[in-house]
Amino acid sequence: MAKYLISFPSAAMKVRDSEMEAVGHDAHAVIREAKEAGVYVFAGGIDETVAPALVSANGAVAEGGYPWAPPLNGGFTVLELPSREDAIAWAARLAKACRCEQELRVFGFDSES
């Protein structure tokens, strides 16, 4: 079993305000199904009203993230699944619910996590 990240940046979700309630309902339904299936690890969205902080090894804090990196925002779901094919199927369900394409990535195995 591997853990898969299914995500989208905020800009990918081009939904009218009048559709947002339905999107939320549909996305939450997929998450409930993932929980019922026993594959759910985590889901949520980045709170874009809170600025990131860059924390160094000595504990110094700088406001903002890496200046050279694109902003990290949008929605994220982590599922633990037996195959890439299963991950693609769940990503398709989330894409339909969120009304936008989803990126799919696999986490590398780490025996300590």
PDB file of N, CA and C in Angstrom:
ATOM      1  N   MET A   1       0.847  -1.184   0.000  1.00  0.00           N
ATOM      2  CA  MET A   1       0.000   0.000   0.000  1.00  0.00           C
ATOM      3  C   MET A   1       0.890   1.245   0.000  1.00  0.00           C
ATOM      4  N   ALA A   2       0.530   2.188  -0.817  1.00  0.00           N
ATOM      5  CA  ALA A   2       1.254   3.457  -0.898  1.00  0.00           C
ATOM      6  C   ALA A   2       0.290   4.594  -0.582  1.00  0.00           C
ATOM      7  N   LYS A   3       0.865   5.703  -0.156  1.00  0.00           N
ATOM      8  CA  LYS A   3       0.072   6.904   0.093  1.00  0.00           C
ATOM      9  C   LYS A   3       0.171   7.800  -1.140  1.00  0.00           C
ATOM     10  N   TYR A   4      -0.968   8.285  -1.578  1.00  0.00           N
ATOM     11  CA  TYR A   4      -1.054   9.115  -2.762  1.00  0.00           C
ATOM     12  C   TYR A   4      -1.580  10.495  -2.397  1.00  0.00           C
ATOM     13  N   LEU A   5      -0.974  11.518  -2.992  1.00  0.00           N
ATOM     14  CA  LEU A   5      -1.431  12.887  -2.850  1.00  0.00           C
ATOM     15  C   LEU A   5      -2.255  13.237  -4.080  1.00  0.00           C
ATOM     16  N   ILE A   6      -3.490  13.626  -3.851  1.00  0.00           N
ATOM     17  CA  ILE A   6      -4.382  14.080  -4.916  1.00  0.00           C
ATOM     18  C   ILE A   6      -4.654  15.549  -4.606  1.00  0.00           C
ATOM     19  N   SER A   7      -4.324  16.437  -5.539  1.00  0.00           N
ATOM     20  CA  SER A   7      -4.400  17.862  -5.212  1.00  0.00           C
ATOM     21  C   SER A   7      -4.710  18.714  -6.431  1.00  0.00           C
ATOM     22  N   PHE A   8      -5.053  19.962  -6.131  1.00  0.00           N
ATOM     23  CA  PHE A   8      -5.256  20.955  -7.183  1.00  0.00           C
ATOM     24  C   PHE A   8      -4.911  22.330  -6.638  1.00  0.00           C
ATOM     25  N   PRO A   9      -4.327  23.207  -7.474  1.00  0.00           N
ATOM     26  CA  PRO A   9      -4.086  24.586  -7.041  1.00  0.00           C
ATOM     27  C   PRO A   9      -5.403  25.367  -7.097  1.00  0.00           C
ATOM     28  N   SER A  10      -5.494  26.393  -6.294  1.00  0.00           N
ATOM     29  CA  SER A  10      -6.724  27.193  -6.248  1.00  0.00           C
ATOM     30  C   SER A  10      -7.153  27.699  -7.619  1.00  0.00           C
ATOM     31  N   ALA A  11      -6.195  28.115  -8.434  1.00  0.00           N
ATOM     32  CA  ALA A  11      -6.519  28.685  -9.743  1.00  0.00           C
ATOM     33  C   ALA A  11      -7.179  27.680 -10.687  1.00  0.00           C
ATOM     34  N   ALA A  12      -7.041  26.394 -10.415  1.00  0.00           N
ATOM     35  CA  ALA A  12      -7.635  25.375 -11.287  1.00  0.00           C
ATOM     36  C   ALA A  12      -9.144  25.280 -11.107  1.00  0.00           C
ATOM     37  N   MET A  13      -9.624  25.711  -9.954  1.00  0.00           N
ATOM     38  CA  MET A  13     -11.048  25.585  -9.652  1.00  0.00           C
ATOM     39  C   MET A  13     -11.782  26.832 -10.130  1.00  0.00           C
ATOM     40  N   LYS A  14     -12.342  26.727 -11.311  1.00  0.00           N
ATOM     41  CA  LYS A  14     -13.085  27.833 -11.906  1.00  0.00           C
ATOM     42  C   LYS A  14     -14.572  27.513 -11.809  1.00  0.00           C
ATOM     43  N   VAL A  15     -15.114  27.805 -10.643  1.00  0.00           N
ATOM     44  CA  VAL A  15     -16.498  27.461 -10.342  1.00  0.00           C
ATOM     45  C   VAL A  15     -17.244  28.737  -9.967  1.00  0.00           C
ATOM     46  N   ARG A  16     -18.449  28.878 -10.493  1.00  0.00           N
ATOM     47  CA  ARG A  16     -19.274  30.036 -10.125  1.00  0.00           C
ATOM     48  C   ARG A  16     -19.646  29.964  -8.643  1.00  0.00           C
ATOM     49  N   ASP A  17     -19.789  31.118  -8.030  1.00  0.00           N
ATOM     50  CA  ASP A  17     -20.174  31.172  -6.617  1.00  0.00           C
ATOM     51  C   ASP A  17     -21.445  30.372  -6.356  1.00  0.00           C
ATOM     52  N   SER A  18     -22.350  30.396  -7.294  1.00  0.00           N
ATOM     53  CA  SER A  18     -23.620  29.681  -7.124  1.00  0.00           C
ATOM     54  C   SER A  18     -23.434  28.163  -7.099  1.00  0.00           C
ATOM     55  N   GLU A  19     -22.296  27.670  -7.584  1.00  0.00           N
ATOM     56  CA  GLU A  19     -22.010  26.228  -7.602  1.00  0.00           C
ATOM     57  C   GLU A  19     -21.222  25.744  -6.386  1.00  0.00           C
ATOM     58  N   MET A  20     -20.653  26.680  -5.620  1.00  0.00           N
ATOM     59  CA  MET A  20     -19.730  26.295  -4.551  1.00  0.00           C
ATOM     60  C   MET A  20     -20.366  25.375  -3.510  1.00  0.00           C
ATOM     61  N   GLU A  21     -21.603  25.600  -3.160  1.00  0.00           N
ATOM     62  CA  GLU A  21     -22.261  24.735  -2.182  1.00  0.00           C
ATOM     63  C   GLU A  21     -22.344  23.299  -2.707  1.00  0.00           C
ATOM     64  N   ALA A  22     -22.689  23.139  -3.969  1.00  0.00           N
ATOM     65  CA  ALA A  22     -22.775  21.807  -4.577  1.00  0.00           C
ATOM     66  C   ALA A  22     -21.395  21.155  -4.651  1.00  0.00           C
ATOM     67  N   VAL A  23     -20.364  21.953  -4.966  1.00  0.00           N
ATOM     68  CA  VAL A  23     -18.996  21.420  -5.011  1.00  0.00           C
ATOM     69  C   VAL A  23     -18.603  20.897  -3.626  1.00  0.00           C
ATOM     70  N   GLY A  24     -18.851  21.695  -2.599  1.00  0.00           N
ATOM     71  CA  GLY A  24     -18.539  21.270  -1.236  1.00  0.00           C
ATOM     72  C   GLY A  24     -19.274  19.987  -0.865  1.00  0.00           C
ATOM     73  N   HIS A  25     -20.546  19.920  -1.195  1.00  0.00           N
ATOM     74  CA  HIS A  25     -21.335  18.717  -0.904  1.00  0.00           C
ATOM     75  C   HIS A  25     -20.750  17.499  -1.609  1.00  0.00           C
ATOM     76  N   ASP A  26     -20.456  17.645  -2.905  1.00  0.00           N
ATOM     77  CA  ASP A  26     -19.942  16.523  -3.693  1.00  0.00           C
ATOM     78  C   ASP A  26     -18.555  16.090  -3.226  1.00  0.00           C
ATOM     79  N   ALA A  27     -17.690  17.062  -2.923  1.00  0.00           N
ATOM     80  CA  ALA A  27     -16.338  16.729  -2.457  1.00  0.00           C
ATOM     81  C   ALA A  27     -16.392  16.034  -1.100  1.00  0.00           C
ATOM     82  N   HIS A  28     -17.234  16.534  -0.198  1.00  0.00           N
ATOM     83  CA  HIS A  28     -17.359  15.887   1.113  1.00  0.00           C
ATOM     84  C   HIS A  28     -17.922  14.476   0.985  1.00  0.00           C
ATOM     85  N   ALA A  29     -18.789  14.265   0.007  1.00  0.00           N
ATOM     86  CA  ALA A  29     -19.332  12.919  -0.216  1.00  0.00           C
ATOM     87  C   ALA A  29     -18.220  11.946  -0.618  1.00  0.00           C
ATOM     88  N   VAL A  30     -17.307  12.391  -1.484  1.00  0.00           N
ATOM     89  CA  VAL A  30     -16.185  11.527  -1.889  1.00  0.00           C
ATOM     90  C   VAL A  30     -15.287  11.238  -0.680  1.00  0.00           C
ATOM     91  N   ILE A  31     -15.038  12.246   0.144  1.00  0.00           N
ATOM     92  CA  ILE A  31     -14.205  12.038   1.331  1.00  0.00           C
ATOM     93  C   ILE A  31     -14.882  11.054   2.285  1.00  0.00           C
ATOM     94  N   ARG A  32     -16.186  11.182   2.470  1.00  0.00           N
ATOM     95  CA  ARG A  32     -16.905  10.209   3.318  1.00  0.00           C
ATOM     96  C   ARG A  32     -16.777   8.794   2.757  1.00  0.00           C
ATOM     97  N   GLU A  33     -16.859   8.664   1.442  1.00  0.00           N
ATOM     98  CA  GLU A  33     -16.701   7.347   0.806  1.00  0.00           C
ATOM     99  C   GLU A  33     -15.300   6.797   1.036  1.00  0.00           C
ATOM    100  N   ALA A  34     -14.286   7.662   0.964  1.00  0.00           N
ATOM    101  CA  ALA A  34     -12.907   7.225   1.210  1.00  0.00           C
ATOM    102  C   ALA A  34     -12.755   6.756   2.654  1.00  0.00           C
ATOM    103  N   LYS A  35     -13.369   7.462   3.590  1.00  0.00           N
ATOM    104  CA  LYS A  35     -13.318   7.048   4.999  1.00  0.00           C
ATOM    105  C   LYS A  35     -13.999   5.694   5.187  1.00  0.00           C
ATOM    106  N   GLU A  36     -15.173   5.548   4.580  1.00  0.00           N
ATOM    107  CA  GLU A  36     -15.904   4.280   4.679  1.00  0.00           C
ATOM    108  C   GLU A  36     -15.121   3.130   4.052  1.00  0.00           C
ATOM    109  N   ALA A  37     -14.363   3.416   3.008  1.00  0.00           N
ATOM    110  CA  ALA A  37     -13.560   2.390   2.332  1.00  0.00           C
ATOM    111  C   ALA A  37     -12.261   2.092   3.080  1.00  0.00           C
ATOM    112  N   GLY A  38     -11.949   2.891   4.100  1.00  0.00           N
ATOM    113  CA  GLY A  38     -10.734   2.663   4.886  1.00  0.00           C
ATOM    114  C   GLY A  38      -9.455   3.120   4.206  1.00  0.00           C
ATOM    115  N   VAL A  39      -9.555   4.026   3.226  1.00  0.00           N
ATOM    116  CA  VAL A  39      -8.363   4.490   2.498  1.00  0.00           C
ATOM    117  C   VAL A  39      -7.985   5.932   2.842  1.00  0.00           C
ATOM    118  N   TYR A  40      -8.810   6.603   3.610  1.00  0.00           N
ATOM    119  CA  TYR A  40      -8.607   8.016   3.945  1.00  0.00           C
ATOM    120  C   TYR A  40      -7.456   8.185   4.921  1.00  0.00           C
ATOM    121  N   VAL A  41      -6.553   9.129   4.631  1.00  0.00           N
ATOM    122  CA  VAL A  41      -5.484   9.515   5.550  1.00  0.00           C
ATOM    123  C   VAL A  41      -5.704  10.949   6.007  1.00  0.00           C
ATOM    124  N   PHE A  42      -5.880  11.870   5.061  1.00  0.00           N
ATOM    125  CA  PHE A  42      -6.008  13.289   5.378  1.00  0.00           C
ATOM    126  C   PHE A  42      -6.572  14.025   4.180  1.00  0.00           C
ATOM    127  N   ALA A  43      -7.312  15.104   4.461  1.00  0.00           N
ATOM    128  CA  ALA A  43      -7.766  15.993   3.395  1.00  0.00           C
ATOM    129  C   ALA A  43      -7.952  17.385   3.975  1.00  0.00           C
ATOM    130  N   GLY A  44      -7.761  18.374   3.130  1.00  0.00           N
ATOM    131  CA  GLY A  44      -7.981  19.752   3.543  1.00  0.00           C
ATOM    132  C   GLY A  44      -7.465  20.703   2.506  1.00  0.00           C
ATOM    133  N   GLY A  45      -7.694  21.954   2.777  1.00  0.00           N
ATOM    134  CA  GLY A  45      -7.215  22.996   1.878  1.00  0.00           C
ATOM    135  C   GLY A  45      -6.313  23.952   2.625  1.00  0.00           C
ATOM    136  N   ILE A  46      -5.395  24.547   1.905  1.00  0.00           N
ATOM    137  CA  ILE A  46      -4.505  25.545   2.492  1.00  0.00           C
ATOM    138  C   ILE A  46      -5.332  26.798   2.811  1.00  0.00           C
ATOM    139  N   ASP A  47      -5.203  27.305   4.029  1.00  0.00           N
ATOM    140  CA  ASP A  47      -5.873  28.541   4.422  1.00  0.00           C
ATOM    141  C   ASP A  47      -5.077  29.702   3.841  1.00  0.00           C
ATOM    142  N   GLU A  48      -5.567  30.249   2.755  1.00  0.00           N
ATOM    143  CA  GLU A  48      -4.841  31.286   2.034  1.00  0.00           C
ATOM    144  C   GLU A  48      -4.912  32.643   2.724  1.00  0.00           C
ATOM    145  N   THR A  49      -5.680  32.749   3.820  1.00  0.00           N
ATOM    146  CA  THR A  49      -5.727  34.007   4.569  1.00  0.00           C
ATOM    147  C   THR A  49      -4.584  34.098   5.574  1.00  0.00           C
ATOM    148  N   VAL A  50      -3.850  33.005   5.765  1.00  0.00           N
ATOM    149  CA  VAL A  50      -2.727  32.979   6.692  1.00  0.00           C
ATOM    150  C   VAL A  50      -1.442  32.866   5.872  1.00  0.00           C
ATOM    151  N   ALA A  51      -0.567  33.847   6.015  1.00  0.00           N
ATOM    152  CA  ALA A  51       0.686  33.850   5.246  1.00  0.00           C
ATOM    153  C   ALA A  51       1.602  32.730   5.728  1.00  0.00           C
ATOM    154  N   PRO A  52       2.362  32.108   4.823  1.00  0.00           N
ATOM    155  CA  PRO A  52       3.330  31.096   5.247  1.00  0.00           C
ATOM    156  C   PRO A  52       4.501  31.742   5.979  1.00  0.00           C
ATOM    157  N   ALA A  53       5.221  30.945   6.725  1.00  0.00           N
ATOM    158  CA  ALA A  53       6.438  31.390   7.403  1.00  0.00           C
ATOM    159  C   ALA A  53       7.562  30.457   7.003  1.00  0.00           C
ATOM    160  N   LEU A  54       8.724  31.003   6.783  1.00  0.00           N
ATOM    161  CA  LEU A  54       9.910  30.222   6.456  1.00  0.00           C
ATOM    162  C   LEU A  54      10.755  30.148   7.729  1.00  0.00           C
ATOM    163  N   VAL A  55      10.900  28.940   8.268  1.00  0.00           N
ATOM    164  CA  VAL A  55      11.583  28.740   9.546  1.00  0.00           C
ATOM    165  C   VAL A  55      12.930  28.086   9.295  1.00  0.00           C
ATOM    166  N   SER A  56      14.009  28.697   9.788  1.00  0.00           N
ATOM    167  CA  SER A  56      15.359  28.168   9.587  1.00  0.00           C
ATOM    168  C   SER A  56      15.738  27.221  10.726  1.00  0.00           C
ATOM    169  N   ALA A  57      16.856  26.547  10.550  1.00  0.00           N
ATOM    170  CA  ALA A  57      17.332  25.571  11.537  1.00  0.00           C
ATOM    171  C   ALA A  57      17.593  26.196  12.895  1.00  0.00           C
ATOM    172  N   ASN A  58      17.928  27.488  12.938  1.00  0.00           N
ATOM    173  CA  ASN A  58      18.187  28.135  14.229  1.00  0.00           C
ATOM    174  C   ASN A  58      16.923  28.737  14.837  1.00  0.00           C
ATOM    175  N   GLY A  59      15.779  28.506  14.197  1.00  0.00           N
ATOM    176  CA  GLY A  59      14.508  28.986  14.719  1.00  0.00           C
ATOM    177  C   GLY A  59      14.097  30.359  14.232  1.00  0.00           C
ATOM    178  N   ALA A  60      14.915  30.999  13.425  1.00  0.00           N
ATOM    179  CA  ALA A  60      14.551  32.303  12.870  1.00  0.00           C
ATOM    180  C   ALA A  60      13.361  32.135  11.930  1.00  0.00           C
ATOM    181  N   VAL A  61      12.475  33.109  11.971  1.00  0.00           N
ATOM    182  CA  VAL A  61      11.254  33.048  11.170  1.00  0.00           C
ATOM    183  C   VAL A  61      11.207  34.239  10.218  1.00  0.00           C
ATOM    184  N   ALA A  62      10.958  33.965   8.956  1.00  0.00           N
ATOM    185  CA  ALA A  62      10.758  34.999   7.948  1.00  0.00           C
ATOM    186  C   ALA A  62       9.354  34.836   7.379  1.00  0.00           C
ATOM    187  N   GLU A  63       8.652  35.934   7.230  1.00  0.00           N
ATOM    188  CA  GLU A  63       7.313  35.873   6.650  1.00  0.00           C
ATOM    189  C   GLU A  63       7.404  35.505   5.173  1.00  0.00           C
ATOM    190  N   GLY A  64       6.501  34.664   4.737  1.00  0.00           N
ATOM    191  CA  GLY A  64       6.456  34.224   3.348  1.00  0.00           C
ATOM    192  C   GLY A  64       7.187  32.897   3.175  1.00  0.00           C
ATOM    193  N   GLY A  65       6.923  32.253   2.074  1.00  0.00           N
ATOM    194  CA  GLY A  65       7.594  30.990   1.765  1.00  0.00           C
ATOM    195  C   GLY A  65       8.869  31.242   0.984  1.00  0.00           C
ATOM    196  N   TYR A  66       9.344  30.196   0.331  1.00  0.00           N
ATOM    197  CA  TYR A  66      10.524  30.351  -0.514  1.00  0.00           C
ATOM    198  C   TYR A  66      10.221  31.394  -1.590  1.00  0.00           C
ATOM    199  N   PRO A  67      11.061  32.419  -1.727  1.00  0.00           N
ATOM    200  CA  PRO A  67      10.756  33.466  -2.701  1.00  0.00           C
ATOM    201  C   PRO A  67      10.811  32.983  -4.151  1.00  0.00           C
ATOM    202  N   TRP A  68      11.526  31.912  -4.425  1.00  0.00           N
ATOM    203  CA  TRP A  68      11.673  31.433  -5.798  1.00  0.00           C
ATOM    204  C   TRP A  68      10.619  30.382  -6.178  1.00  0.00           C
ATOM    205  N   ALA A  69       9.830  29.933  -5.218  1.00  0.00           N
ATOM    206  CA  ALA A  69       8.858  28.859  -5.480  1.00  0.00           C
ATOM    207  C   ALA A  69       7.467  29.432  -5.750  1.00  0.00           C
ATOM    208  N   PRO A  70       6.688  28.740  -6.567  1.00  0.00           N
ATOM    209  CA  PRO A  70       5.307  29.196  -6.761  1.00  0.00           C
ATOM    210  C   PRO A  70       4.534  29.037  -5.450  1.00  0.00           C
ATOM    211  N   PRO A  71       3.478  29.811  -5.254  1.00  0.00           N
ATOM    212  CA  PRO A  71       2.719  29.691  -4.005  1.00  0.00           C
ATOM    213  C   PRO A  71       2.070  28.313  -3.888  1.00  0.00           C
ATOM    214  N   LEU A  72       1.982  27.848  -2.658  1.00  0.00           N
ATOM    215  CA  LEU A  72       1.327  26.569  -2.380  1.00  0.00           C
ATOM    216  C   LEU A  72      -0.066  26.881  -1.872  1.00  0.00           C
ATOM    217  N   ASN A  73      -1.074  26.457  -2.616  1.00  0.00           N
ATOM    218  CA  ASN A  73      -2.452  26.706  -2.217  1.00  0.00           C
ATOM    219  C   ASN A  73      -3.325  25.601  -2.789  1.00  0.00           C
ATOM    220  N   GLY A  74      -4.595  25.677  -2.522  1.00  0.00           N
ATOM    221  CA  GLY A  74      -5.530  24.721  -3.083  1.00  0.00           C
ATOM    222  C   GLY A  74      -5.936  23.646  -2.115  1.00  0.00           C
ATOM    223  N   GLY A  75      -6.417  22.542  -2.674  1.00  0.00           N
ATOM    224  CA  GLY A  75      -6.935  21.435  -1.886  1.00  0.00           C
ATOM    225  C   GLY A  75      -6.070  20.204  -2.012  1.00  0.00           C
ATOM    226  N   PHE A  76      -6.026  19.428  -0.936  1.00  0.00           N
ATOM    227  CA  PHE A  76      -5.156  18.257  -0.865  1.00  0.00           C
ATOM    228  C   PHE A  76      -5.899  17.086  -0.223  1.00  0.00           C
ATOM    229  N   THR A  77      -5.701  15.907  -0.764  1.00  0.00           N
ATOM    230  CA  THR A  77      -6.230  14.689  -0.182  1.00  0.00           C
ATOM    231  C   THR A  77      -5.120  13.645  -0.215  1.00  0.00           C
ATOM    232  N   VAL A  78      -4.942  12.951   0.894  1.00  0.00           N
ATOM    233  CA  VAL A  78      -3.978  11.853   0.952  1.00  0.00           C
ATOM    234  C   VAL A  78      -4.773  10.578   1.227  1.00  0.00           C
ATOM    235  N   LEU A  79      -4.600   9.606   0.346  1.00  0.00           N
ATOM    236  CA  LEU A  79      -5.263   8.310   0.482  1.00  0.00           C
ATOM    237  C   LEU A  79      -4.214   7.215   0.456  1.00  0.00           C
ATOM    238  N   GLU A  80      -4.453   6.140   1.194  1.00  0.00           N
ATOM    239  CA  GLU A  80      -3.566   4.979   1.165  1.00  0.00           C
ATOM    240  C   GLU A  80      -4.256   3.896   0.349  1.00  0.00           C
ATOM    241  N   LEU A  81      -3.608   3.544  -0.772  1.00  0.00           N
ATOM    242  CA  LEU A  81      -4.249   2.690  -1.772  1.00  0.00           C
ATOM    243  C   LEU A  81      -3.304   1.596  -2.248  1.00  0.00           C
ATOM    244  N   PRO A  82      -3.866   0.486  -2.727  1.00  0.00           N
ATOM    245  CA  PRO A  82      -3.023  -0.634  -3.149  1.00  0.00           C
ATOM    246  C   PRO A  82      -2.349  -0.463  -4.505  1.00  0.00           C
ATOM    247  N   SER A  83      -2.851   0.467  -5.347  1.00  0.00           N
ATOM    248  CA  SER A  83      -2.260   0.583  -6.684  1.00  0.00           C
ATOM    249  C   SER A  83      -2.461   1.976  -7.269  1.00  0.00           C
ATOM    250  N   ARG A  84      -1.647   2.276  -8.269  1.00  0.00           N
ATOM    251  CA  ARG A  84      -1.793   3.543  -8.992  1.00  0.00           C
ATOM    252  C   ARG A  84      -3.141   3.597  -9.694  1.00  0.00           C
ATOM    253  N   GLU A  85      -3.609   2.483 -10.184  1.00  0.00           N
ATOM    254  CA  GLU A  85      -4.912   2.443 -10.850  1.00  0.00           C
ATOM    255  C   GLU A  85      -6.027   2.848  -9.887  1.00  0.00           C
ATOM    256  N   ASP A  86      -5.950   2.362  -8.634  1.00  0.00           N
ATOM    257  CA  ASP A  86      -6.935   2.764  -7.626  1.00  0.00           C
ATOM    258  C   ASP A  86      -6.820   4.259  -7.352  1.00  0.00           C
ATOM    259  N   ALA A  87      -5.600   4.773  -7.289  1.00  0.00           N
ATOM    260  CA  ALA A  87      -5.381   6.199  -7.046  1.00  0.00           C
ATOM    261  C   ALA A  87      -5.971   7.031  -8.182  1.00  0.00           C
ATOM    262  N   ILE A  88      -5.799   6.588  -9.402  1.00  0.00           N
ATOM    263  CA  ILE A  88      -6.362   7.298 -10.550  1.00  0.00           C
ATOM    264  C   ILE A  88      -7.887   7.314 -10.459  1.00  0.00           C
ATOM    265  N   ALA A  89      -8.478   6.213 -10.052  1.00  0.00           N
ATOM    266  CA  ALA A  89      -9.936   6.146  -9.922  1.00  0.00           C
ATOM    267  C   ALA A  89     -10.442   7.133  -8.862  1.00  0.00           C
ATOM    268  N   TRP A  90      -9.763   7.203  -7.713  1.00  0.00           N
ATOM    269  CA  TRP A  90     -10.154   8.157  -6.671  1.00  0.00           C
ATOM    270  C   TRP A  90      -9.913   9.587  -7.138  1.00  0.00           C
ATOM    271  N   ALA A  91      -8.817   9.846  -7.832  1.00  0.00           N
ATOM    272  CA  ALA A  91      -8.537  11.187  -8.344  1.00  0.00           C
ATOM    273  C   ALA A  91      -9.630  11.617  -9.323  1.00  0.00           C
ATOM    274  N   ALA A  92     -10.112  10.699 -10.131  1.00  0.00           N
ATOM    275  CA  ALA A  92     -11.190  11.011 -11.074  1.00  0.00           C
ATOM    276  C   ALA A  92     -12.470  11.368 -10.329  1.00  0.00           C
ATOM    277  N   ARG A  93     -12.745  10.674  -9.244  1.00  0.00           N
ATOM    278  CA  ARG A  93     -13.935  10.981  -8.443  1.00  0.00           C
ATOM    279  C   ARG A  93     -13.816  12.385  -7.839  1.00  0.00           C
ATOM    280  N   LEU A  94     -12.622  12.708  -7.342  1.00  0.00           N
ATOM    281  CA  LEU A  94     -12.415  14.037  -6.771  1.00  0.00           C
ATOM    282  C   LEU A  94     -12.460  15.121  -7.850  1.00  0.00           C
ATOM    283  N   ALA A  95     -11.930  14.822  -9.033  1.00  0.00           N
ATOM    284  CA  ALA A  95     -11.986  15.778 -10.139  1.00  0.00           C
ATOM    285  C   ALA A  95     -13.436  16.089 -10.512  1.00  0.00           C
ATOM    286  N   LYS A  96     -14.254  15.076 -10.549  1.00  0.00           N
ATOM    287  CA  LYS A  96     -15.666  15.282 -10.866  1.00  0.00           C
ATOM    288  C   LYS A  96     -16.335  16.116  -9.783  1.00  0.00           C
ATOM    289  N   ALA A  97     -16.073  15.805  -8.523  1.00  0.00           N
ATOM    290  CA  ALA A  97     -16.685  16.537  -7.409  1.00  0.00           C
ATOM    291  C   ALA A  97     -16.218  17.982  -7.356  1.00  0.00           C
ATOM    292  N   CYS A  98     -14.930  18.214  -7.573  1.00  0.00           N
ATOM    293  CA  CYS A  98     -14.355  19.563  -7.462  1.00  0.00           C
ATOM    294  C   CYS A  98     -14.472  20.367  -8.746  1.00  0.00           C
ATOM    295  N   ARG A  99     -14.893  19.718  -9.816  1.00  0.00           N
ATOM    296  CA  ARG A  99     -15.035  20.379 -11.117  1.00  0.00           C
ATOM    297  C   ARG A  99     -13.711  20.894 -11.661  1.00  0.00           C
ATOM    298  N   CYS A 100     -12.618  20.171 -11.339  1.00  0.00           N
ATOM    299  CA  CYS A 100     -11.317  20.528 -11.916  1.00  0.00           C
ATOM    300  C   CYS A 100     -10.394  19.306 -11.862  1.00  0.00           C
ATOM    301  N   GLU A 101      -9.427  19.293 -12.786  1.00  0.00           N
ATOM    302  CA  GLU A 101      -8.460  18.204 -12.827  1.00  0.00           C
ATOM    303  C   GLU A 101      -7.670  18.159 -11.524  1.00  0.00           C
ATOM    304  N   GLN A 102      -7.192  16.971 -11.192  1.00  0.00           N
ATOM    305  CA  GLN A 102      -6.427  16.743  -9.975  1.00  0.00           C
ATOM    306  C   GLN A 102      -5.035  16.226 -10.334  1.00  0.00           C
ATOM    307  N   GLU A 103      -4.025  16.714  -9.624  1.00  0.00           N
ATOM    308  CA  GLU A 103      -2.679  16.154  -9.765  1.00  0.00           C
ATOM    309  C   GLU A 103      -2.583  14.926  -8.880  1.00  0.00           C
ATOM    310  N   LEU A 104      -1.887  13.921  -9.362  1.00  0.00           N
ATOM    311  CA  LEU A 104      -1.702  12.690  -8.600  1.00  0.00           C
ATOM    312  C   LEU A 104      -0.210  12.453  -8.415  1.00  0.00           C
ATOM    313  N   ARG A 105       0.185  12.263  -7.163  1.00  0.00           N
ATOM    314  CA  ARG A 105       1.583  11.974  -6.838  1.00  0.00           C
ATOM    315  C   ARG A 105       1.615  10.875  -5.795  1.00  0.00           C
ATOM    316  N   VAL A 106       2.688  10.109  -5.811  1.00  0.00           N
ATOM    317  CA  VAL A 106       2.855   9.052  -4.801  1.00  0.00           C
ATOM    318  C   VAL A 106       3.954   9.465  -3.845  1.00  0.00           C
ATOM    319  N   PHE A 107       3.727   9.248  -2.555  1.00  0.00           N
ATOM    320  CA  PHE A 107       4.769   9.500  -1.570  1.00  0.00           C
ATOM    321  C   PHE A 107       5.766   8.359  -1.605  1.00  0.00           C
ATOM    322  N   GLY A 108       7.052   8.687  -1.473  1.00  0.00           N
ATOM    323  CA  GLY A 108       8.079   7.653  -1.380  1.00  0.00           C
ATOM    324  C   GLY A 108       7.936   6.898  -0.070  1.00  0.00           C
ATOM    325  N   PHE A 109       8.227   5.645  -0.080  1.00  0.00           N
ATOM    326  CA  PHE A 109       8.127   4.832   1.133  1.00  0.00           C
ATOM    327  C   PHE A 109       9.195   5.248   2.136  1.00  0.00           C
ATOM    328  N   ASP A 110       8.782   5.396   3.368  1.00  0.00           N
ATOM    329  CA  ASP A 110       9.680   5.724   4.466  1.00  0.00           C
ATOM    330  C   ASP A 110       9.288   4.849   5.656  1.00  0.00           C
ATOM    331  N   SER A 111      10.112   3.912   6.014  1.00  0.00           N
ATOM    332  CA  SER A 111       9.764   2.976   7.083  1.00  0.00           C
ATOM    333  C   SER A 111       9.609   3.653   8.436  1.00  0.00           C
ATOM    334  N   GLU A 112      10.109   4.872   8.583  1.00  0.00           N
ATOM    335  CA  GLU A 112       9.994   5.600   9.839  1.00  0.00           C
ATOM    336  C   GLU A 112       8.722   6.444   9.940  1.00  0.00           C
ATOM    337  N   SER A 113       7.962   6.540   8.853  1.00  0.00           N
ATOM    338  CA  SER A 113       6.755   7.375   8.925  1.00  0.00           C
ATOM    339  C   SER A 113       5.494   6.538   8.914  1.00  0.00           C
TER     340      SER A 113
END
